[in-house]
């Protein structure tokens, strides 16, 4: 960690160059530094609810999605 702090510019340059940098703390992996473009490409894109439901491995064809026609219960304040 101390070495990464003192040479942060070089660590960042390597990460931007497509070489992820593993930073250790007390001899154990602590964080990985990657370039912004690599991070952006590695993240899955956001799906709409419809896309997520269509990708569901469970058969949802029997799911009742109709709305209730009942009125809400009375509320006393």
Protein backbone atom coordinates (compact mmCIF):
# COMPACT_ATOMS: atom_id res chain seq x y z
CA UNK A 1 0.00 0.00 0.00
CA UNK A 2 2.81 2.40 0.87
CA UNK A 3 4.54 1.74 -2.45
CA UNK A 4 1.28 2.29 -4.35
CA UNK A 5 0.77 5.58 -2.52
CA UNK A 6 4.23 6.84 -3.30
CA UNK A 7 4.04 5.76 -6.97
CA UNK A 8 0.34 6.33 -7.59
CA UNK A 9 0.88 8.06 -10.93
CA UNK A 10 2.84 5.07 -12.29
CA UNK A 11 0.28 2.59 -10.90
CA UNK A 12 -2.54 4.55 -12.54
CA UNK A 13 -0.68 4.73 -15.87
CA UNK A 14 -0.21 0.94 -15.89
CA UNK A 15 -3.91 0.47 -15.09
CA UNK A 16 -4.96 2.76 -17.94
CA UNK A 17 -2.60 0.82 -20.21
CA UNK A 18 -4.73 -2.28 -19.74
CA UNK A 19 -2.73 -3.83 -16.90
CA UNK A 20 -4.87 -4.05 -13.73
CA UNK A 21 -2.81 -3.25 -10.64
CA UNK A 22 -3.30 -5.33 -7.49
CA UNK A 23 -2.48 -3.34 -4.36
CA UNK A 24 -1.72 -5.37 -1.24
CA UNK A 25 -2.05 -4.46 2.41
CA UNK A 26 -0.05 -6.50 4.91
CA UNK A 27 0.85 -8.92 2.11
CA UNK A 28 -2.76 -9.63 1.11
CA UNK A 29 -4.67 -8.33 -1.94
CA UNK A 30 -6.54 -5.20 -0.89
CA UNK A 31 -7.79 -3.42 -4.04
CA UNK A 32 -7.43 -3.67 -7.79
CA UNK A 33 -6.92 -0.52 -9.81
CA UNK A 34 -8.17 -0.61 -13.41
CA UNK A 35 -8.58 2.03 -16.07
CA UNK A 36 -11.96 3.77 -16.34
CA UNK A 37 -12.61 2.35 -19.81
CA UNK A 38 -11.89 -1.21 -18.62
CA UNK A 39 -14.20 -0.69 -15.64
CA UNK A 40 -16.96 0.64 -17.87
CA UNK A 41 -16.65 -2.32 -20.26
CA UNK A 42 -16.58 -4.88 -17.42
CA UNK A 43 -19.81 -3.70 -15.80
CA UNK A 44 -23.00 -5.31 -17.04
CA UNK A 45 -25.44 -2.94 -18.72
CA UNK A 46 -28.62 -2.01 -16.93
CA UNK A 47 -31.68 -3.99 -17.95
CA UNK A 48 -35.26 -2.87 -17.97
CA UNK A 49 -37.73 -4.77 -15.80
CA UNK A 50 -39.20 -6.38 -18.91
CA UNK A 51 -35.76 -7.57 -20.06
CA UNK A 52 -35.03 -8.99 -16.60
CA UNK A 53 -38.35 -10.85 -16.52
CA UNK A 54 -37.79 -12.24 -20.01
CA UNK A 55 -34.33 -13.46 -18.98
CA UNK A 56 -35.74 -15.24 -15.90
CA UNK A 57 -35.10 -18.99 -16.09
CA UNK A 58 -38.42 -19.72 -14.32
CA UNK A 59 -41.62 -20.02 -16.39
CA UNK A 60 -43.61 -16.89 -15.51
CA UNK A 61 -46.51 -17.57 -17.88
CA UNK A 62 -48.79 -18.59 -14.98
CA UNK A 63 -48.06 -15.41 -13.05
CA UNK A 64 -51.26 -13.39 -12.45
CA UNK A 65 -50.45 -9.76 -13.27
CA UNK A 66 -54.01 -8.40 -13.26
CA UNK A 67 -54.86 -5.56 -10.92
CA UNK A 68 -57.49 -5.88 -8.24
CA UNK A 69 -60.74 -3.98 -8.89
CA UNK A 70 -61.49 -3.71 -5.16
CA UNK A 71 -61.58 -0.28 -3.55
CA UNK A 72 -59.13 0.43 -0.76
CA UNK A 73 -60.33 -0.14 2.79
CA UNK A 74 -61.63 2.90 4.70
CA UNK A 75 -59.07 4.74 6.75
CA UNK A 76 -59.88 6.73 9.86
CA UNK A 77 -57.44 9.40 10.94
